[in-house]
Amino acid sequence: MTAAGAARGNIQAALGPSIGGCCFEVEEQIARDFEQRFPGAGSHIRPAQPGKAYIDLRGVLRDDLSRAGLDASAIVDVGECTRCAPEAYFSRRAAGGGVTGLQASCIGFAPQGPS
């Protein structure tokens, strides 16, 4: 966004509905791979049942955005865990792998008027 002219101090991020760290359980090897690929991810991984781990994806994203220069107050969670609230959101995990709908994300620029 900064390459396109956005001032870092004006960038805001909203982390929408997604599977939460409470429910995103993966194989231990996937968690290790994730930790190697994404700096700081290890602080957002916790043990689950034997051979498994939970990953807090939003925590990883918040750290990435902070490292990119966003102030913590410019990063907000605007949705809950989709698996914990299947009545409000599509969740393949909550549906037991069954057929669900899809969700989408977007990135955009809001026009700024004269200061």
Foldseek 3Di string as FASTA:
>chain_A
DVVVPDDQAPAAEEAEEEAALVPAKDFPVVQVVVPVVQPPQVVQWADDPPRMIGGGVVVSVLVVSVVVPHDSVRYYYDYYHCLVCVVVHWDCVVVVNDDTDDDDDDDDDDDDDDD
